[in-house]
Amino acid sequence: MEGNGMKAVVGETVVAEAANEAVVRIEGNVYFPPDSVVAGVLRDSPTPYTCPWKGRAQYHDVLAGETVLRDGAWSYPDIKESAAARVGRDFSGYVAFDGRQVQIDT
């Protein structure tokens, strides 16, 4: 996947990896397909948030070795149809990482 992929990295640990064409870019964030996220790195967080146009968010703590990043990622399990139309594809369950906590490599 060298050269044409995106990675989300915590320290030395890759927590998600996908081809460029598989990710969705929204408002400066990169959303990774659910199957590109390493199993076991996300733990649901109770933090509530609802986006006016995307719908209800699910925040996740990111677990990478001994590191726990509180609310280091989020997804929209059930996006609004209008949001899928606006973005051009259904990104339900896609995971975005907090760029202040998780390094996104291209």
PDB file of N, CA and C in Angstrom:
ATOM      1  N   MET A   1       0.826  -1.199   0.000  1.00  0.00           N
ATOM      2  CA  MET A   1       0.000   0.000   0.000  1.00  0.00           C
ATOM      3  C   MET A   1       0.868   1.260   0.000  1.00  0.00           C
ATOM      4  N   GLU A   2       2.142   1.082  -0.192  1.00  0.00           N
ATOM      5  CA  GLU A   2       3.055   2.227  -0.170  1.00  0.00           C
ATOM      6  C   GLU A   2       2.664   3.254  -1.227  1.00  0.00           C
ATOM      7  N   GLY A   3       2.625   4.502  -0.803  1.00  0.00           N
ATOM      8  CA  GLY A   3       2.426   5.562  -1.770  1.00  0.00           C
ATOM      9  C   GLY A   3       0.970   5.878  -2.081  1.00  0.00           C
ATOM     10  N   ASN A   4       0.063   4.936  -1.885  1.00  0.00           N
ATOM     11  CA  ASN A   4      -1.327   5.236  -2.236  1.00  0.00           C
ATOM     12  C   ASN A   4      -2.280   4.905  -1.099  1.00  0.00           C
ATOM     13  N   GLY A   5      -1.762   4.903   0.120  1.00  0.00           N
ATOM     14  CA  GLY A   5      -2.612   4.581   1.259  1.00  0.00           C
ATOM     15  C   GLY A   5      -2.573   5.646   2.332  1.00  0.00           C
ATOM     16  N   MET A   6      -3.511   5.527   3.253  1.00  0.00           N
ATOM     17  CA  MET A   6      -3.588   6.411   4.410  1.00  0.00           C
ATOM     18  C   MET A   6      -3.446   5.540   5.649  1.00  0.00           C
ATOM     19  N   LYS A   7      -2.731   6.081   6.636  1.00  0.00           N
ATOM     20  CA  LYS A   7      -2.574   5.361   7.897  1.00  0.00           C
ATOM     21  C   LYS A   7      -2.898   6.301   9.052  1.00  0.00           C
ATOM     22  N   ALA A   8      -3.490   5.728  10.092  1.00  0.00           N
ATOM     23  CA  ALA A   8      -3.647   6.427  11.361  1.00  0.00           C
ATOM     24  C   ALA A   8      -2.679   5.743  12.323  1.00  0.00           C
ATOM     25  N   VAL A   9      -1.803   6.554  12.955  1.00  0.00           N
ATOM     26  CA  VAL A   9      -0.716   6.007  13.750  1.00  0.00           C
ATOM     27  C   VAL A   9      -0.696   6.653  15.135  1.00  0.00           C
ATOM     28  N   VAL A  10      -0.536   5.812  16.157  1.00  0.00           N
ATOM     29  CA  VAL A  10      -0.348   6.286  17.530  1.00  0.00           C
ATOM     30  C   VAL A  10       1.024   5.799  17.961  1.00  0.00           C
ATOM     31  N   GLY A  11       1.966   6.711  18.128  1.00  0.00           N
ATOM     32  CA  GLY A  11       3.334   6.318  18.431  1.00  0.00           C
ATOM     33  C   GLY A  11       3.872   5.501  17.269  1.00  0.00           C
ATOM     34  N   GLU A  12       4.181   4.220  17.529  1.00  0.00           N
ATOM     35  CA  GLU A  12       4.660   3.327  16.472  1.00  0.00           C
ATOM     36  C   GLU A  12       3.561   2.382  15.981  1.00  0.00           C
ATOM     37  N   THR A  13       2.373   2.515  16.558  1.00  0.00           N
ATOM     38  CA  THR A  13       1.291   1.563  16.285  1.00  0.00           C
ATOM     39  C   THR A  13       0.344   2.074  15.211  1.00  0.00           C
ATOM     40  N   VAL A  14       0.182   1.302  14.147  1.00  0.00           N
ATOM     41  CA  VAL A  14      -0.808   1.632  13.112  1.00  0.00           C
ATOM     42  C   VAL A  14      -2.173   1.159  13.614  1.00  0.00           C
ATOM     43  N   VAL A  15      -3.118   2.091  13.727  1.00  0.00           N
ATOM     44  CA  VAL A  15      -4.449   1.726  14.230  1.00  0.00           C
ATOM     45  C   VAL A  15      -5.486   1.622  13.109  1.00  0.00           C
ATOM     46  N   ALA A  16      -5.148   2.164  11.931  1.00  0.00           N
ATOM     47  CA  ALA A  16      -6.028   2.015  10.764  1.00  0.00           C
ATOM     48  C   ALA A  16      -5.197   2.231   9.508  1.00  0.00           C
ATOM     49  N   GLU A  17      -5.567   1.518   8.453  1.00  0.00           N
ATOM     50  CA  GLU A  17      -4.851   1.662   7.195  1.00  0.00           C
ATOM     51  C   GLU A  17      -5.812   1.352   6.052  1.00  0.00           C
ATOM     52  N   ALA A  18      -5.848   2.225   5.069  1.00  0.00           N
ATOM     53  CA  ALA A  18      -6.771   2.040   3.943  1.00  0.00           C
ATOM     54  C   ALA A  18      -6.209   2.704   2.698  1.00  0.00           C
ATOM     55  N   ALA A  19      -6.666   2.242   1.550  1.00  0.00           N
ATOM     56  CA  ALA A  19      -6.294   2.865   0.285  1.00  0.00           C
ATOM     57  C   ALA A  19      -6.920   4.258   0.211  1.00  0.00           C
ATOM     58  N   ASN A  20      -6.245   5.154  -0.492  1.00  0.00           N
ATOM     59  CA  ASN A  20      -6.751   6.521  -0.637  1.00  0.00           C
ATOM     60  C   ASN A  20      -8.197   6.576  -1.103  1.00  0.00           C
ATOM     61  N   GLU A  21      -8.539   5.707  -2.070  1.00  0.00           N
ATOM     62  CA  GLU A  21      -9.889   5.760  -2.625  1.00  0.00           C
ATOM     63  C   GLU A  21     -10.935   5.188  -1.670  1.00  0.00           C
ATOM     64  N   ALA A  22     -10.488   4.501  -0.616  1.00  0.00           N
ATOM     65  CA  ALA A  22     -11.429   3.904   0.338  1.00  0.00           C
ATOM     66  C   ALA A  22     -11.841   4.874   1.439  1.00  0.00           C
ATOM     67  N   VAL A  23     -10.991   5.873   1.712  1.00  0.00           N
ATOM     68  CA  VAL A  23     -11.308   6.801   2.794  1.00  0.00           C
ATOM     69  C   VAL A  23     -12.241   7.898   2.300  1.00  0.00           C
ATOM     70  N   VAL A  24     -12.898   8.551   3.244  1.00  0.00           N
ATOM     71  CA  VAL A  24     -13.776   9.679   2.934  1.00  0.00           C
ATOM     72  C   VAL A  24     -13.227  10.895   3.674  1.00  0.00           C
ATOM     73  N   ARG A  25     -13.062  11.978   2.939  1.00  0.00           N
ATOM     74  CA  ARG A  25     -12.570  13.221   3.560  1.00  0.00           C
ATOM     75  C   ARG A  25     -13.733  14.179   3.758  1.00  0.00           C
ATOM     76  N   ILE A  26     -13.934  14.588   5.018  1.00  0.00           N
ATOM     77  CA  ILE A  26     -15.032  15.491   5.357  1.00  0.00           C
ATOM     78  C   ILE A  26     -14.512  16.544   6.323  1.00  0.00           C
ATOM     79  N   GLU A  27     -14.660  17.798   5.950  1.00  0.00           N
ATOM     80  CA  GLU A  27     -14.330  18.913   6.847  1.00  0.00           C
ATOM     81  C   GLU A  27     -12.936  18.771   7.447  1.00  0.00           C
ATOM     82  N   GLY A  28     -11.985  18.379   6.639  1.00  0.00           N
ATOM     83  CA  GLY A  28     -10.607  18.293   7.110  1.00  0.00           C
ATOM     84  C   GLY A  28     -10.253  17.014   7.844  1.00  0.00           C
ATOM     85  N   ASN A  29     -11.226  16.126   8.030  1.00  0.00           N
ATOM     86  CA  ASN A  29     -10.957  14.849   8.693  1.00  0.00           C
ATOM     87  C   ASN A  29     -10.967  13.709   7.677  1.00  0.00           C
ATOM     88  N   VAL A  30     -10.193  12.686   7.981  1.00  0.00           N
ATOM     89  CA  VAL A  30     -10.146  11.494   7.138  1.00  0.00           C
ATOM     90  C   VAL A  30     -10.921  10.384   7.847  1.00  0.00           C
ATOM     91  N   TYR A  31     -11.953   9.879   7.191  1.00  0.00           N
ATOM     92  CA  TYR A  31     -12.774   8.809   7.754  1.00  0.00           C
ATOM     93  C   TYR A  31     -12.355   7.483   7.120  1.00  0.00           C
ATOM     94  N   PHE A  32     -11.942   6.539   7.969  1.00  0.00           N
ATOM     95  CA  PHE A  32     -11.490   5.222   7.517  1.00  0.00           C
ATOM     96  C   PHE A  32     -12.654   4.238   7.515  1.00  0.00           C
ATOM     97  N   PRO A  33     -12.720   3.358   6.503  1.00  0.00           N
ATOM     98  CA  PRO A  33     -13.770   2.332   6.513  1.00  0.00           C
ATOM     99  C   PRO A  33     -13.646   1.461   7.762  1.00  0.00           C
ATOM    100  N   PRO A  34     -14.770   0.987   8.294  1.00  0.00           N
ATOM    101  CA  PRO A  34     -14.728   0.197   9.530  1.00  0.00           C
ATOM    102  C   PRO A  34     -13.776  -0.997   9.462  1.00  0.00           C
ATOM    103  N   ASP A  35     -13.716  -1.667   8.297  1.00  0.00           N
ATOM    104  CA  ASP A  35     -12.876  -2.864   8.206  1.00  0.00           C
ATOM    105  C   ASP A  35     -11.387  -2.548   8.075  1.00  0.00           C
ATOM    106  N   SER A  36     -11.045  -1.254   8.003  1.00  0.00           N
ATOM    107  CA  SER A  36      -9.628  -0.878   7.911  1.00  0.00           C
ATOM    108  C   SER A  36      -9.038  -0.539   9.275  1.00  0.00           C
ATOM    109  N   VAL A  37      -9.905  -0.504  10.297  1.00  0.00           N
ATOM    110  CA  VAL A  37      -9.456  -0.182  11.653  1.00  0.00           C
ATOM    111  C   VAL A  37      -9.038  -1.476  12.345  1.00  0.00           C
ATOM    112  N   VAL A  38      -7.871  -1.461  12.966  1.00  0.00           N
ATOM    113  CA  VAL A  38      -7.341  -2.647  13.634  1.00  0.00           C
ATOM    114  C   VAL A  38      -8.293  -3.086  14.756  1.00  0.00           C
ATOM    115  N   ALA A  39      -8.586  -4.362  14.807  1.00  0.00           N
ATOM    116  CA  ALA A  39      -9.493  -4.898  15.823  1.00  0.00           C
ATOM    117  C   ALA A  39      -8.962  -4.608  17.223  1.00  0.00           C
ATOM    118  N   GLY A  40      -9.851  -4.172  18.093  1.00  0.00           N
ATOM    119  CA  GLY A  40      -9.482  -3.981  19.495  1.00  0.00           C
ATOM    120  C   GLY A  40      -8.921  -2.619  19.851  1.00  0.00           C
ATOM    121  N   VAL A  41      -8.753  -1.724  18.878  1.00  0.00           N
ATOM    122  CA  VAL A  41      -8.180  -0.422  19.229  1.00  0.00           C
ATOM    123  C   VAL A  41      -9.235   0.611  19.612  1.00  0.00           C
ATOM    124  N   LEU A  42     -10.496   0.331  19.316  1.00  0.00           N
ATOM    125  CA  LEU A  42     -11.545   1.288  19.666  1.00  0.00           C
ATOM    126  C   LEU A  42     -12.412   0.767  20.798  1.00  0.00           C
ATOM    127  N   ARG A  43     -12.685   1.655  21.747  1.00  0.00           N
ATOM    128  CA  ARG A  43     -13.603   1.341  22.845  1.00  0.00           C
ATOM    129  C   ARG A  43     -14.622   2.469  22.898  1.00  0.00           C
ATOM    130  N   ASP A  44     -15.893   2.127  22.865  1.00  0.00           N
ATOM    131  CA  ASP A  44     -16.920   3.164  22.860  1.00  0.00           C
ATOM    132  C   ASP A  44     -16.798   4.064  24.079  1.00  0.00           C
ATOM    133  N   SER A  45     -16.970   5.357  23.840  1.00  0.00           N
ATOM    134  CA  SER A  45     -16.910   6.362  24.891  1.00  0.00           C
ATOM    135  C   SER A  45     -18.327   6.894  25.118  1.00  0.00           C
ATOM    136  N   PRO A  46     -18.616   7.331  26.341  1.00  0.00           N
ATOM    137  CA  PRO A  46     -19.956   7.852  26.617  1.00  0.00           C
ATOM    138  C   PRO A  46     -20.159   9.300  26.170  1.00  0.00           C
ATOM    139  N   THR A  47     -19.126   9.937  25.639  1.00  0.00           N
ATOM    140  CA  THR A  47     -19.227  11.349  25.268  1.00  0.00           C
ATOM    141  C   THR A  47     -20.328  11.562  24.228  1.00  0.00           C
ATOM    142  N   PRO A  48     -21.307  12.423  24.542  1.00  0.00           N
ATOM    143  CA  PRO A  48     -22.396  12.642  23.590  1.00  0.00           C
ATOM    144  C   PRO A  48     -22.046  13.737  22.589  1.00  0.00           C
ATOM    145  N   TYR A  49     -22.460  13.555  21.347  1.00  0.00           N
ATOM    146  CA  TYR A  49     -22.321  14.616  20.353  1.00  0.00           C
ATOM    147  C   TYR A  49     -23.259  14.316  19.199  1.00  0.00           C
ATOM    148  N   THR A  50     -23.910  15.342  18.706  1.00  0.00           N
ATOM    149  CA  THR A  50     -24.739  15.197  17.514  1.00  0.00           C
ATOM    150  C   THR A  50     -24.364  16.306  16.543  1.00  0.00           C
ATOM    151  N   CYS A  51     -24.031  15.916  15.342  1.00  0.00           N
ATOM    152  CA  CYS A  51     -23.692  16.874  14.294  1.00  0.00           C
ATOM    153  C   CYS A  51     -24.986  17.343  13.638  1.00  0.00           C
ATOM    154  N   PRO A  52     -25.111  18.652  13.382  1.00  0.00           N
ATOM    155  CA  PRO A  52     -26.350  19.156  12.778  1.00  0.00           C
ATOM    156  C   PRO A  52     -26.688  18.498  11.442  1.00  0.00           C
ATOM    157  N   TRP A  53     -25.683  18.133  10.663  1.00  0.00           N
ATOM    158  CA  TRP A  53     -25.999  17.564   9.337  1.00  0.00           C
ATOM    159  C   TRP A  53     -25.638  16.091   9.178  1.00  0.00           C
ATOM    160  N   LYS A  54     -24.764  15.562  10.045  1.00  0.00           N
ATOM    161  CA  LYS A  54     -24.401  14.148   9.906  1.00  0.00           C
ATOM    162  C   LYS A  54     -25.225  13.237  10.824  1.00  0.00           C
ATOM    163  N   GLY A  55     -25.664  13.770  11.964  1.00  0.00           N
ATOM    164  CA  GLY A  55     -26.443  12.956  12.894  1.00  0.00           C
ATOM    165  C   GLY A  55     -25.683  12.679  14.182  1.00  0.00           C
ATOM    166  N   ARG A  56     -26.108  11.636  14.891  1.00  0.00           N
ATOM    167  CA  ARG A  56     -25.519  11.316  16.191  1.00  0.00           C
ATOM    168  C   ARG A  56     -24.166  10.641  16.028  1.00  0.00           C
ATOM    169  N   ALA A  57     -23.211  11.140  16.771  1.00  0.00           N
ATOM    170  CA  ALA A  57     -21.860  10.567  16.727  1.00  0.00           C
ATOM    171  C   ALA A  57     -21.667   9.549  17.837  1.00  0.00           C
ATOM    172  N   GLN A  58     -20.767   8.611  17.586  1.00  0.00           N
ATOM    173  CA  GLN A  58     -20.278   7.701  18.623  1.00  0.00           C
ATOM    174  C   GLN A  58     -18.799   8.012  18.800  1.00  0.00           C
ATOM    175  N   TYR A  59     -18.433   8.483  19.979  1.00  0.00           N
ATOM    176  CA  TYR A  59     -17.012   8.702  20.250  1.00  0.00           C
ATOM    177  C   TYR A  59     -16.362   7.401  20.702  1.00  0.00           C
ATOM    178  N   HIS A  60     -15.059   7.296  20.463  1.00  0.00           N
ATOM    179  CA  HIS A  60     -14.300   6.104  20.833  1.00  0.00           C
ATOM    180  C   HIS A  60     -13.004   6.522  21.511  1.00  0.00           C
ATOM    181  N   ASP A  61     -12.625   5.789  22.559  1.00  0.00           N
ATOM    182  CA  ASP A  61     -11.270   5.888  23.078  1.00  0.00           C
ATOM    183  C   ASP A  61     -10.404   5.019  22.175  1.00  0.00           C
ATOM    184  N   VAL A  62      -9.185   5.466  21.929  1.00  0.00           N
ATOM    185  CA  VAL A  62      -8.263   4.707  21.087  1.00  0.00           C
ATOM    186  C   VAL A  62      -7.243   4.027  21.995  1.00  0.00           C
ATOM    187  N   LEU A  63      -7.144   2.700  21.877  1.00  0.00           N
ATOM    188  CA  LEU A  63      -6.240   1.913  22.710  1.00  0.00           C
ATOM    189  C   LEU A  63      -5.086   1.413  21.846  1.00  0.00           C
ATOM    190  N   ALA A  64      -3.879   1.878  22.173  1.00  0.00           N
ATOM    191  CA  ALA A  64      -2.697   1.461  21.408  1.00  0.00           C
ATOM    192  C   ALA A  64      -1.611   1.088  22.413  1.00  0.00           C
ATOM    193  N   GLY A  65      -1.462  -0.204  22.661  1.00  0.00           N
ATOM    194  CA  GLY A  65      -0.506  -0.645  23.682  1.00  0.00           C
ATOM    195  C   GLY A  65      -0.948  -0.119  25.040  1.00  0.00           C
ATOM    196  N   GLU A  66      -0.049   0.609  25.696  1.00  0.00           N
ATOM    197  CA  GLU A  66      -0.368   1.175  27.017  1.00  0.00           C
ATOM    198  C   GLU A  66      -1.068   2.525  26.898  1.00  0.00           C
ATOM    199  N   THR A  67      -1.161   3.041  25.689  1.00  0.00           N
ATOM    200  CA  THR A  67      -1.725   4.373  25.469  1.00  0.00           C
ATOM    201  C   THR A  67      -3.238   4.307  25.326  1.00  0.00           C
ATOM    202  N   VAL A  68      -3.931   5.184  26.043  1.00  0.00           N
ATOM    203  CA  VAL A  68      -5.373   5.326  25.895  1.00  0.00           C
ATOM    204  C   VAL A  68      -5.647   6.793  25.545  1.00  0.00           C
ATOM    205  N   LEU A  69      -6.189   7.018  24.361  1.00  0.00           N
ATOM    206  CA  LEU A  69      -6.522   8.373  23.940  1.00  0.00           C
ATOM    207  C   LEU A  69      -8.018   8.574  24.105  1.00  0.00           C
ATOM    208  N   ARG A  70      -8.381   9.387  25.100  1.00  0.00           N
ATOM    209  CA  ARG A  70      -9.801   9.629  25.375  1.00  0.00           C
ATOM    210  C   ARG A  70     -10.442  10.341  24.191  1.00  0.00           C
ATOM    211  N   ASP A  71     -11.528   9.797  23.704  1.00  0.00           N
ATOM    212  CA  ASP A  71     -12.262  10.395  22.584  1.00  0.00           C
ATOM    213  C   ASP A  71     -11.340  10.688  21.401  1.00  0.00           C
ATOM    214  N   GLY A  72     -10.400   9.780  21.161  1.00  0.00           N
ATOM    215  CA  GLY A  72      -9.425   9.979  20.087  1.00  0.00           C
ATOM    216  C   GLY A  72      -9.977   9.668  18.707  1.00  0.00           C
ATOM    217  N   ALA A  73     -11.202   9.138  18.651  1.00  0.00           N
ATOM    218  CA  ALA A  73     -11.822   8.813  17.367  1.00  0.00           C
ATOM    219  C   ALA A  73     -13.329   8.927  17.503  1.00  0.00           C
ATOM    220  N   TRP A  74     -13.988   9.034  16.367  1.00  0.00           N
ATOM    221  CA  TRP A  74     -15.439   9.068  16.378  1.00  0.00           C
ATOM    222  C   TRP A  74     -15.974   8.532  15.057  1.00  0.00           C
ATOM    223  N   SER A  75     -17.236   8.155  15.089  1.00  0.00           N
ATOM    224  CA  SER A  75     -17.910   7.683  13.888  1.00  0.00           C
ATOM    225  C   SER A  75     -19.373   8.082  13.977  1.00  0.00           C
ATOM    226  N   TYR A  76     -20.058   7.906  12.865  1.00  0.00           N
ATOM    227  CA  TYR A  76     -21.498   8.158  12.798  1.00  0.00           C
ATOM    228  C   TYR A  76     -22.167   6.851  12.386  1.00  0.00           C
ATOM    229  N   PRO A  77     -22.690   6.105  13.369  1.00  0.00           N
ATOM    230  CA  PRO A  77     -23.251   4.778  13.075  1.00  0.00           C
ATOM    231  C   PRO A  77     -24.427   4.821  12.099  1.00  0.00           C
ATOM    232  N   ASP A  78     -25.259   5.848  12.205  1.00  0.00           N
ATOM    233  CA  ASP A  78     -26.452   5.949  11.354  1.00  0.00           C
ATOM    234  C   ASP A  78     -26.539   7.367  10.807  1.00  0.00           C
ATOM    235  N   ILE A  79     -25.844   7.615   9.712  1.00  0.00           N
ATOM    236  CA  ILE A  79     -25.840   8.975   9.174  1.00  0.00           C
ATOM    237  C   ILE A  79     -27.179   9.317   8.533  1.00  0.00           C
ATOM    238  N   LYS A  80     -27.448  10.604   8.464  1.00  0.00           N
ATOM    239  CA  LYS A  80     -28.653  11.067   7.787  1.00  0.00           C
ATOM    240  C   LYS A  80     -28.491  10.848   6.279  1.00  0.00           C
ATOM    241  N   GLU A  81     -29.596  10.522   5.622  1.00  0.00           N
ATOM    242  CA  GLU A  81     -29.548  10.315   4.171  1.00  0.00           C
ATOM    243  C   GLU A  81     -29.017  11.543   3.466  1.00  0.00           C
ATOM    244  N   SER A  82     -29.393  12.712   3.962  1.00  0.00           N
ATOM    245  CA  SER A  82     -28.940  13.957   3.330  1.00  0.00           C
ATOM    246  C   SER A  82     -27.426  14.103   3.433  1.00  0.00           C
ATOM    247  N   ALA A  83     -26.841  13.552   4.501  1.00  0.00           N
ATOM    248  CA  ALA A  83     -25.382  13.620   4.663  1.00  0.00           C
ATOM    249  C   ALA A  83     -24.693  12.716   3.649  1.00  0.00           C
ATOM    250  N   ALA A  84     -25.259  11.534   3.418  1.00  0.00           N
ATOM    251  CA  ALA A  84     -24.688  10.629   2.412  1.00  0.00           C
ATOM    252  C   ALA A  84     -24.758  11.276   1.034  1.00  0.00           C
ATOM    253  N   ALA A  85     -25.871  11.943   0.763  1.00  0.00           N
ATOM    254  CA  ALA A  85     -26.025  12.613  -0.529  1.00  0.00           C
ATOM    255  C   ALA A  85     -25.009  13.756  -0.658  1.00  0.00           C
ATOM    256  N   ARG A  86     -24.829  14.494   0.427  1.00  0.00           N
ATOM    257  CA  ARG A  86     -23.906  15.632   0.414  1.00  0.00           C
ATOM    258  C   ARG A  86     -22.462  15.182   0.181  1.00  0.00           C
ATOM    259  N   VAL A  87     -22.080  14.068   0.785  1.00  0.00           N
ATOM    260  CA  VAL A  87     -20.713  13.569   0.685  1.00  0.00           C
ATOM    261  C   VAL A  87     -20.523  12.721  -0.582  1.00  0.00           C
ATOM    262  N   GLY A  88     -21.611  12.133  -1.047  1.00  0.00           N
ATOM    263  CA  GLY A  88     -21.531  11.340  -2.266  1.00  0.00           C
ATOM    264  C   GLY A  88     -21.387   9.850  -2.022  1.00  0.00           C
ATOM    265  N   ARG A  89     -21.398   9.459  -0.759  1.00  0.00           N
ATOM    266  CA  ARG A  89     -21.377   8.028  -0.431  1.00  0.00           C
ATOM    267  C   ARG A  89     -21.808   7.840   1.012  1.00  0.00           C
ATOM    268  N   ASP A  90     -22.210   6.629   1.323  1.00  0.00           N
ATOM    269  CA  ASP A  90     -22.639   6.297   2.677  1.00  0.00           C
ATOM    270  C   ASP A  90     -21.394   6.021   3.519  1.00  0.00           C
ATOM    271  N   PHE A  91     -21.158   6.841   4.525  1.00  0.00           N
ATOM    272  CA  PHE A  91     -19.979   6.652   5.382  1.00  0.00           C
ATOM    273  C   PHE A  91     -20.380   6.227   6.793  1.00  0.00           C
ATOM    274  N   SER A  92     -21.535   5.569   6.918  1.00  0.00           N
ATOM    275  CA  SER A  92     -21.966   5.049   8.227  1.00  0.00           C
ATOM    276  C   SER A  92     -20.886   4.146   8.808  1.00  0.00           C
ATOM    277  N   GLY A  93     -20.532   4.396  10.047  1.00  0.00           N
ATOM    278  CA  GLY A  93     -19.561   3.543  10.727  1.00  0.00           C
ATOM    279  C   GLY A  93     -18.106   3.845  10.394  1.00  0.00           C
ATOM    280  N   TYR A  94     -17.872   4.701   9.423  1.00  0.00           N
ATOM    281  CA  TYR A  94     -16.481   5.079   9.111  1.00  0.00           C
ATOM    282  C   TYR A  94     -15.908   5.825  10.312  1.00  0.00           C
ATOM    283  N   VAL A  95     -14.621   5.663  10.540  1.00  0.00           N
ATOM    284  CA  VAL A  95     -13.984   6.177  11.754  1.00  0.00           C
ATOM    285  C   VAL A  95     -13.002   7.293  11.427  1.00  0.00           C
ATOM    286  N   ALA A  96     -13.177   8.424  12.095  1.00  0.00           N
ATOM    287  CA  ALA A  96     -12.226   9.535  11.989  1.00  0.00           C
ATOM    288  C   ALA A  96     -11.435   9.613  13.280  1.00  0.00           C
ATOM    289  N   PHE A  97     -10.178  10.007  13.154  1.00  0.00           N
ATOM    290  CA  PHE A  97      -9.301  10.124  14.317  1.00  0.00           C
ATOM    291  C   PHE A  97      -8.970  11.582  14.578  1.00  0.00           C
ATOM    292  N   ASP A  98      -8.831  11.918  15.853  1.00  0.00           N
ATOM    293  CA  ASP A  98      -8.492  13.274  16.270  1.00  0.00           C
ATOM    294  C   ASP A  98      -7.044  13.559  15.871  1.00  0.00           C
ATOM    295  N   GLY A  99      -6.857  14.448  14.919  1.00  0.00           N
ATOM    296  CA  GLY A  99      -5.525  14.764  14.404  1.00  0.00           C
ATOM    297  C   GLY A  99      -4.586  15.349  15.431  1.00  0.00           C
ATOM    298  N   ARG A 100      -5.113  15.819  16.543  1.00  0.00           N
ATOM    299  CA  ARG A 100      -4.244  16.332  17.612  1.00  0.00           C
ATOM    300  C   ARG A 100      -3.659  15.191  18.430  1.00  0.00           C
ATOM    301  N   GLN A 101      -4.297  14.008  18.354  1.00  0.00           N
ATOM    302  CA  GLN A 101      -3.852  12.862  19.154  1.00  0.00           C
ATOM    303  C   GLN A 101      -3.300  11.715  18.303  1.00  0.00           C
ATOM    304  N   VAL A 102      -3.801  11.626  17.072  1.00  0.00           N
ATOM    305  CA  VAL A 102      -3.441  10.512  16.197  1.00  0.00           C
ATOM    306  C   VAL A 102      -2.821  11.090  14.924  1.00  0.00           C
ATOM    307  N   GLN A 103      -1.677  10.565  14.539  1.00  0.00           N
ATOM    308  CA  GLN A 103      -1.005  11.041  13.335  1.00  0.00           C
ATOM    309  C   GLN A 103      -1.617  10.366  12.113  1.00  0.00           C
ATOM    310  N   ILE A 104      -1.975  11.180  11.122  1.00  0.00           N
ATOM    311  CA  ILE A 104      -2.519  10.646   9.875  1.00  0.00           C
ATOM    312  C   ILE A 104      -1.437  10.769   8.809  1.00  0.00           C
ATOM    313  N   ASP A 105      -0.953   9.629   8.319  1.00  0.00           N
ATOM    314  CA  ASP A 105       0.108   9.600   7.311  1.00  0.00           C
ATOM    315  C   ASP A 105      -0.477   9.262   5.948  1.00  0.00           C
ATOM    316  N   THR A 106       0.062   9.932   4.939  1.00  0.00           N
ATOM    317  CA  THR A 106      -0.372   9.638   3.563  1.00  0.00           C
ATOM    318  C   THR A 106       0.748   8.970   2.821  1.00  0.00           C
TER     319      THR A 106
END
